[in-house]
C-alpha cells in the first residue's frame, strides 16, 4: 500500500528524477522524467506534484493509487 506522505517526499526531494512516479507504478512517466531531468522541467513538474499530493485527501489518494494494486 502506497503512502501519500512518502509519495510527496519523493516528489519534493527526488521528483526531478521521477522517483515518485516509479513509486506509484507509473514507469512510463518515470522514464520521461529521467530522460529530461537535465532540462529541470521535470523538477518544476515534480514541485507542482508535491503540492497536489499534499493537498489531496487521503481518500482520493487511496482510491487513485492504492485500489488499482489489488492488495
PDB file of N, CA and C in Angstrom:
ATOM      1  N   UNK A   1       0.843  -1.172   0.000  1.00  0.00           N
ATOM      2  CA  UNK A   1       0.000   0.000   0.000  1.00  0.00           C
ATOM      3  C   UNK A   1       0.890   1.237   0.000  1.00  0.00           C
ATOM      4  N   UNK A   2       0.645   2.098  -0.932  1.00  0.00           N
ATOM      5  CA  UNK A   2       1.473   3.283  -1.092  1.00  0.00           C
ATOM      6  C   UNK A   2       1.056   4.382  -0.118  1.00  0.00           C
ATOM      7  N   UNK A   3       2.034   5.128   0.356  1.00  0.00           N
ATOM      8  CA  UNK A   3       1.808   6.182   1.325  1.00  0.00           C
ATOM      9  C   UNK A   3       1.793   7.543   0.635  1.00  0.00           C
ATOM     10  N   UNK A   4       0.817   8.363   1.000  1.00  0.00           N
ATOM     11  CA  UNK A   4       0.729   9.716   0.441  1.00  0.00           C
ATOM     12  C   UNK A   4       1.929  10.557   0.885  1.00  0.00           C
ATOM     13  N   UNK A   5       2.316  10.432   2.159  1.00  0.00           N
ATOM     14  CA  UNK A   5       3.443  11.197   2.677  1.00  0.00           C
ATOM     15  C   UNK A   5       4.745  10.819   1.965  1.00  0.00           C
ATOM     16  N   UNK A   6       4.981   9.531   1.791  1.00  0.00           N
ATOM     17  CA  UNK A   6       6.186   9.069   1.104  1.00  0.00           C
ATOM     18  C   UNK A   6       6.212   9.565  -0.332  1.00  0.00           C
ATOM     19  N   UNK A   7       5.071   9.505  -1.005  1.00  0.00           N
ATOM     20  CA  UNK A   7       4.983   9.985  -2.377  1.00  0.00           C
ATOM     21  C   UNK A   7       5.299  11.461  -2.448  1.00  0.00           C
ATOM     22  N   UNK A   8       4.753  12.251  -1.526  1.00  0.00           N
ATOM     23  CA  UNK A   8       5.004  13.696  -1.511  1.00  0.00           C
ATOM     24  C   UNK A   8       6.484  13.992  -1.256  1.00  0.00           C
ATOM     25  N   UNK A   9       7.103  13.245  -0.355  1.00  0.00           N
ATOM     26  CA  UNK A   9       8.522  13.476  -0.064  1.00  0.00           C
ATOM     27  C   UNK A   9       9.404  13.082  -1.248  1.00  0.00           C
ATOM     28  N   UNK A  10       9.062  11.989  -1.922  1.00  0.00           N
ATOM     29  CA  UNK A  10       9.790  11.625  -3.139  1.00  0.00           C
ATOM     30  C   UNK A  10       9.639  12.712  -4.194  1.00  0.00           C
ATOM     31  N   UNK A  11       8.446  13.269  -4.331  1.00  0.00           N
ATOM     32  CA  UNK A  11       8.215  14.321  -5.318  1.00  0.00           C
ATOM     33  C   UNK A  11       9.034  15.560  -4.980  1.00  0.00           C
ATOM     34  N   UNK A  12       9.126  15.901  -3.706  1.00  0.00           N
ATOM     35  CA  UNK A  12       9.858  17.103  -3.305  1.00  0.00           C
ATOM     36  C   UNK A  12      11.367  16.936  -3.460  1.00  0.00           C
ATOM     37  N   UNK A  13      11.913  15.825  -2.981  1.00  0.00           N
ATOM     38  CA  UNK A  13      13.362  15.674  -2.940  1.00  0.00           C
ATOM     39  C   UNK A  13      13.966  14.948  -4.151  1.00  0.00           C
ATOM     40  N   UNK A  14      13.242  14.007  -4.738  1.00  0.00           N
ATOM     41  CA  UNK A  14      13.773  13.236  -5.854  1.00  0.00           C
ATOM     42  C   UNK A  14      12.875  13.312  -7.088  1.00  0.00           C
ATOM     43  N   UNK A  15      11.974  14.267  -7.085  1.00  0.00           N
ATOM     44  CA  UNK A  15      10.996  14.365  -8.158  1.00  0.00           C
ATOM     45  C   UNK A  15      11.591  14.681  -9.511  1.00  0.00           C
ATOM     46  N   UNK A  16      12.685  15.393  -9.546  1.00  0.00           N
ATOM     47  CA  UNK A  16      13.326  15.709 -10.819  1.00  0.00           C
ATOM     48  C   UNK A  16      13.797  14.482 -11.562  1.00  0.00           C
ATOM     49  N   UNK A  17      13.993  13.394 -10.838  1.00  0.00           N
ATOM     50  CA  UNK A  17      14.392  12.122 -11.441  1.00  0.00           C
ATOM     51  C   UNK A  17      13.203  11.193 -11.654  1.00  0.00           C
ATOM     52  N   UNK A  18      12.027  11.608 -11.210  1.00  0.00           N
ATOM     53  CA  UNK A  18      10.827  10.817 -11.414  1.00  0.00           C
ATOM     54  C   UNK A  18      10.630   9.685 -10.430  1.00  0.00           C
ATOM     55  N   UNK A  19      11.336   9.712  -9.323  1.00  0.00           N
ATOM     56  CA  UNK A  19      11.260   8.618  -8.356  1.00  0.00           C
ATOM     57  C   UNK A  19       9.830   8.443  -7.831  1.00  0.00           C
ATOM     58  N   UNK A  20       9.114   9.539  -7.642  1.00  0.00           N
ATOM     59  CA  UNK A  20       7.744   9.426  -7.141  1.00  0.00           C
ATOM     60  C   UNK A  20       6.832   8.732  -8.151  1.00  0.00           C
ATOM     61  N   UNK A  21       7.116   8.886  -9.436  1.00  0.00           N
ATOM     62  CA  UNK A  21       6.309   8.208 -10.459  1.00  0.00           C
ATOM     63  C   UNK A  21       6.609   6.707 -10.486  1.00  0.00           C
ATOM     64  N   UNK A  22       7.879   6.350 -10.319  1.00  0.00           N
ATOM     65  CA  UNK A  22       8.217   4.928 -10.218  1.00  0.00           C
ATOM     66  C   UNK A  22       7.569   4.312  -8.975  1.00  0.00           C
ATOM     67  N   UNK A  23       7.571   5.045  -7.872  1.00  0.00           N
ATOM     68  CA  UNK A  23       6.969   4.563  -6.628  1.00  0.00           C
ATOM     69  C   UNK A  23       5.476   4.302  -6.813  1.00  0.00           C
ATOM     70  N   UNK A  24       4.812   5.146  -7.598  1.00  0.00           N
ATOM     71  CA  UNK A  24       3.377   4.987  -7.840  1.00  0.00           C
ATOM     72  C   UNK A  24       3.072   3.952  -8.923  1.00  0.00           C
ATOM     73  N   UNK A  25       4.101   3.390  -9.533  1.00  0.00           N
ATOM     74  CA  UNK A  25       3.903   2.386 -10.568  1.00  0.00           C
ATOM     75  C   UNK A  25       3.693   2.971 -11.955  1.00  0.00           C
ATOM     76  N   UNK A  26       3.973   4.251 -12.117  1.00  0.00           N
ATOM     77  CA  UNK A  26       3.827   4.923 -13.409  1.00  0.00           C
ATOM     78  C   UNK A  26       5.205   4.973 -14.080  1.00  0.00           C
ATOM     79  N   UNK A  27       5.665   3.812 -14.533  1.00  0.00           N
ATOM     80  CA  UNK A  27       7.024   3.687 -15.046  1.00  0.00           C
ATOM     81  C   UNK A  27       7.264   4.498 -16.313  1.00  0.00           C
ATOM     82  N   UNK A  28       6.270   4.613 -17.170  1.00  0.00           N
ATOM     83  CA  UNK A  28       6.430   5.405 -18.387  1.00  0.00           C
ATOM     84  C   UNK A  28       6.711   6.866 -18.086  1.00  0.00           C
ATOM     85  N   UNK A  29       5.950   7.424 -17.162  1.00  0.00           N
ATOM     86  CA  UNK A  29       6.192   8.811 -16.760  1.00  0.00           C
ATOM     87  C   UNK A  29       7.546   8.939 -16.063  1.00  0.00           C
ATOM     88  N   UNK A  30       7.902   7.955 -15.262  1.00  0.00           N
ATOM     89  CA  UNK A  30       9.193   7.981 -14.581  1.00  0.00           C
ATOM     90  C   UNK A  30      10.354   8.001 -15.554  1.00  0.00           C
ATOM     91  N   UNK A  31      10.247   7.230 -16.613  1.00  0.00           N
ATOM     92  CA  UNK A  31      11.303   7.211 -17.634  1.00  0.00           C
ATOM     93  C   UNK A  31      11.395   8.560 -18.340  1.00  0.00           C
ATOM     94  N   UNK A  32      10.250   9.186 -18.625  1.00  0.00           N
ATOM     95  CA  UNK A  32      10.274  10.518 -19.237  1.00  0.00           C
ATOM     96  C   UNK A  32      10.948  11.538 -18.327  1.00  0.00           C
ATOM     97  N   UNK A  33      10.675  11.460 -17.034  1.00  0.00           N
ATOM     98  CA  UNK A  33      11.342  12.354 -16.079  1.00  0.00           C
ATOM     99  C   UNK A  33      12.853  12.131 -16.138  1.00  0.00           C
ATOM    100  N   UNK A  34      13.288  10.864 -16.195  1.00  0.00           N
ATOM    101  CA  UNK A  34      14.720  10.568 -16.243  1.00  0.00           C
ATOM    102  C   UNK A  34      15.376  11.072 -17.525  1.00  0.00           C
ATOM    103  N   UNK A  35      14.682  10.927 -18.639  1.00  0.00           N
ATOM    104  CA  UNK A  35      15.251  11.358 -19.926  1.00  0.00           C
ATOM    105  C   UNK A  35      15.455  12.865 -19.958  1.00  0.00           C
ATOM    106  N   UNK A  36      14.503  13.609 -19.395  1.00  0.00           N
ATOM    107  CA  UNK A  36      14.545  15.071 -19.499  1.00  0.00           C
ATOM    108  C   UNK A  36      14.973  15.778 -18.215  1.00  0.00           C
ATOM    109  N   UNK A  37      15.536  15.045 -17.240  1.00  0.00           N
ATOM    110  CA  UNK A  37      15.873  15.679 -15.963  1.00  0.00           C
ATOM    111  C   UNK A  37      16.871  16.812 -16.112  1.00  0.00           C
ATOM    112  N   UNK A  38      17.720  16.771 -17.124  1.00  0.00           N
ATOM    113  CA  UNK A  38      18.741  17.798 -17.316  1.00  0.00           C
ATOM    114  C   UNK A  38      18.139  19.152 -17.712  1.00  0.00           C
ATOM    115  N   UNK A  39      16.880  19.187 -18.127  1.00  0.00           N
ATOM    116  CA  UNK A  39      16.240  20.445 -18.511  1.00  0.00           C
ATOM    117  C   UNK A  39      15.598  21.150 -17.317  1.00  0.00           C
ATOM    118  N   UNK A  40      15.524  20.490 -16.181  1.00  0.00           N
ATOM    119  CA  UNK A  40      14.889  20.980 -14.953  1.00  0.00           C
ATOM    120  C   UNK A  40      13.369  21.132 -15.071  1.00  0.00           C
ATOM    121  N   UNK A  41      12.806  20.816 -16.226  1.00  0.00           N
ATOM    122  CA  UNK A  41      11.347  20.847 -16.373  1.00  0.00           C
ATOM    123  C   UNK A  41      10.695  19.781 -15.492  1.00  0.00           C
ATOM    124  N   UNK A  42      11.229  18.552 -15.450  1.00  0.00           N
ATOM    125  CA  UNK A  42      10.628  17.568 -14.534  1.00  0.00           C
ATOM    126  C   UNK A  42      10.691  18.006 -13.065  1.00  0.00           C
ATOM    127  N   UNK A  43      11.705  18.757 -12.687  1.00  0.00           N
ATOM    128  CA  UNK A  43      11.796  19.239 -11.305  1.00  0.00           C
ATOM    129  C   UNK A  43      10.664  20.224 -11.010  1.00  0.00           C
ATOM    130  N   UNK A  44      10.338  21.062 -11.959  1.00  0.00           N
ATOM    131  CA  UNK A  44       9.233  22.006 -11.774  1.00  0.00           C
ATOM    132  C   UNK A  44       7.896  21.272 -11.720  1.00  0.00           C
ATOM    133  N   UNK A  45       7.736  20.288 -12.572  1.00  0.00           N
ATOM    134  CA  UNK A  45       6.505  19.496 -12.562  1.00  0.00           C
ATOM    135  C   UNK A  45       6.406  18.727 -11.247  1.00  0.00           C
ATOM    136  N   UNK A  46       7.522  18.209 -10.765  1.00  0.00           N
ATOM    137  CA  UNK A  46       7.525  17.463  -9.504  1.00  0.00           C
ATOM    138  C   UNK A  46       7.180  18.375  -8.326  1.00  0.00           C
ATOM    139  N   UNK A  47       7.612  19.621  -8.374  1.00  0.00           N
ATOM    140  CA  UNK A  47       7.250  20.570  -7.324  1.00  0.00           C
ATOM    141  C   UNK A  47       5.735  20.781  -7.318  1.00  0.00           C
ATOM    142  N   UNK A  48       5.158  20.907  -8.499  1.00  0.00           N
ATOM    143  CA  UNK A  48       3.700  21.006  -8.623  1.00  0.00           C
ATOM    144  C   UNK A  48       3.041  19.729  -8.097  1.00  0.00           C
ATOM    145  N   UNK A  49       3.598  18.572  -8.460  1.00  0.00           N
ATOM    146  CA  UNK A  49       3.080  17.286  -7.981  1.00  0.00           C
ATOM    147  C   UNK A  49       3.116  17.207  -6.456  1.00  0.00           C
ATOM    148  N   UNK A  50       4.184  17.718  -5.861  1.00  0.00           N
ATOM    149  CA  UNK A  50       4.310  17.731  -4.409  1.00  0.00           C
ATOM    150  C   UNK A  50       3.103  18.416  -3.774  1.00  0.00           C
ATOM    151  N   UNK A  51       2.756  19.593  -4.264  1.00  0.00           N
ATOM    152  CA  UNK A  51       1.625  20.321  -3.699  1.00  0.00           C
ATOM    153  C   UNK A  51       0.301  19.605  -3.974  1.00  0.00           C
ATOM    154  N   UNK A  52       0.189  18.982  -5.127  1.00  0.00           N
ATOM    155  CA  UNK A  52      -1.019  18.212  -5.428  1.00  0.00           C
ATOM    156  C   UNK A  52      -1.169  17.068  -4.430  1.00  0.00           C
ATOM    157  N   UNK A  53      -0.087  16.348  -4.161  1.00  0.00           N
ATOM    158  CA  UNK A  53      -0.154  15.225  -3.221  1.00  0.00           C
ATOM    159  C   UNK A  53      -0.420  15.697  -1.796  1.00  0.00           C
ATOM    160  N   UNK A  54       0.177  16.813  -1.395  1.00  0.00           N
ATOM    161  CA  UNK A  54      -0.016  17.319  -0.032  1.00  0.00           C
ATOM    162  C   UNK A  54      -1.472  17.714   0.202  1.00  0.00           C
ATOM    163  N   UNK A  55      -2.077  18.376  -0.781  1.00  0.00           N
ATOM    164  CA  UNK A  55      -3.437  18.865  -0.598  1.00  0.00           C
ATOM    165  C   UNK A  55      -4.515  17.867  -1.021  1.00  0.00           C
ATOM    166  N   UNK A  56      -4.122  16.735  -1.581  1.00  0.00           N
ATOM    167  CA  UNK A  56      -5.078  15.695  -1.963  1.00  0.00           C
ATOM    168  C   UNK A  56      -5.571  14.985  -0.698  1.00  0.00           C
ATOM    169  N   UNK A  57      -6.849  14.708  -0.650  1.00  0.00           N
ATOM    170  CA  UNK A  57      -7.384  13.997   0.514  1.00  0.00           C
ATOM    171  C   UNK A  57      -6.863  12.550   0.524  1.00  0.00           C
ATOM    172  N   UNK A  58      -6.822  11.987   1.709  1.00  0.00           N
ATOM    173  CA  UNK A  58      -6.360  10.605   1.845  1.00  0.00           C
ATOM    174  C   UNK A  58      -7.263   9.643   1.086  1.00  0.00           C
ATOM    175  N   UNK A  59      -8.556   9.891   1.129  1.00  0.00           N
ATOM    176  CA  UNK A  59      -9.490   9.021   0.421  1.00  0.00           C
ATOM    177  C   UNK A  59      -9.249   9.045  -1.084  1.00  0.00           C
ATOM    178  N   UNK A  60      -9.044  10.242  -1.620  1.00  0.00           N
ATOM    179  CA  UNK A  60      -8.813  10.368  -3.070  1.00  0.00           C
ATOM    180  C   UNK A  60      -7.488   9.704  -3.457  1.00  0.00           C
ATOM    181  N   UNK A  61      -6.447   9.906  -2.648  1.00  0.00           N
ATOM    182  CA  UNK A  61      -5.158   9.280  -2.928  1.00  0.00           C
ATOM    183  C   UNK A  61      -5.293   7.759  -2.927  1.00  0.00           C
ATOM    184  N   UNK A  62      -5.948   7.227  -1.908  1.00  0.00           N
ATOM    185  CA  UNK A  62      -6.120   5.774  -1.822  1.00  0.00           C
ATOM    186  C   UNK A  62      -6.934   5.237  -2.984  1.00  0.00           C
ATOM    187  N   UNK A  63      -7.975   5.947  -3.366  1.00  0.00           N
ATOM    188  CA  UNK A  63      -8.791   5.500  -4.491  1.00  0.00           C
ATOM    189  C   UNK A  63      -7.994   5.507  -5.788  1.00  0.00           C
ATOM    190  N   UNK A  64      -7.197   6.548  -5.976  1.00  0.00           N
ATOM    191  CA  UNK A  64      -6.469   6.717  -7.239  1.00  0.00           C
ATOM    192  C   UNK A  64      -5.247   5.805  -7.352  1.00  0.00           C
ATOM    193  N   UNK A  65      -4.517   5.606  -6.261  1.00  0.00           N
ATOM    194  CA  UNK A  65      -3.240   4.905  -6.342  1.00  0.00           C
ATOM    195  C   UNK A  65      -3.191   3.563  -5.622  1.00  0.00           C
ATOM    196  N   UNK A  66      -4.077   3.304  -4.679  1.00  0.00           N
ATOM    197  CA  UNK A  66      -3.996   2.049  -3.934  1.00  0.00           C
ATOM    198  C   UNK A  66      -5.033   1.016  -4.344  1.00  0.00           C
ATOM    199  N   UNK A  67      -6.177   1.410  -4.845  1.00  0.00           N
ATOM    200  CA  UNK A  67      -7.183   0.427  -5.220  1.00  0.00           C
ATOM    201  C   UNK A  67      -6.812  -0.331  -6.474  1.00  0.00           C
ATOM    202  N   UNK A  68      -5.989   0.253  -7.332  1.00  0.00           N
ATOM    203  CA  UNK A  68      -5.604  -0.394  -8.573  1.00  0.00           C
ATOM    204  C   UNK A  68      -4.600  -1.523  -8.354  1.00  0.00           C
ATOM    205  N   UNK A  69      -3.947  -1.540  -7.188  1.00  0.00           N
ATOM    206  CA  UNK A  69      -2.909  -2.538  -6.954  1.00  0.00           C
ATOM    207  C   UNK A  69      -3.497  -3.915  -6.653  1.00  0.00           C
ATOM    208  N   UNK A  70      -4.734  -3.975  -6.186  1.00  0.00           N
ATOM    209  CA  UNK A  70      -5.362  -5.251  -5.882  1.00  0.00           C
ATOM    210  C   UNK A  70      -4.899  -5.873  -4.585  1.00  0.00           C
ATOM    211  N   UNK A  71      -4.215  -5.094  -3.766  1.00  0.00           N
ATOM    212  CA  UNK A  71      -3.628  -5.502  -2.486  1.00  0.00           C
ATOM    213  C   UNK A  71      -3.232  -6.952  -2.542  1.00  0.00           C
TER     214      UNK A  71
END
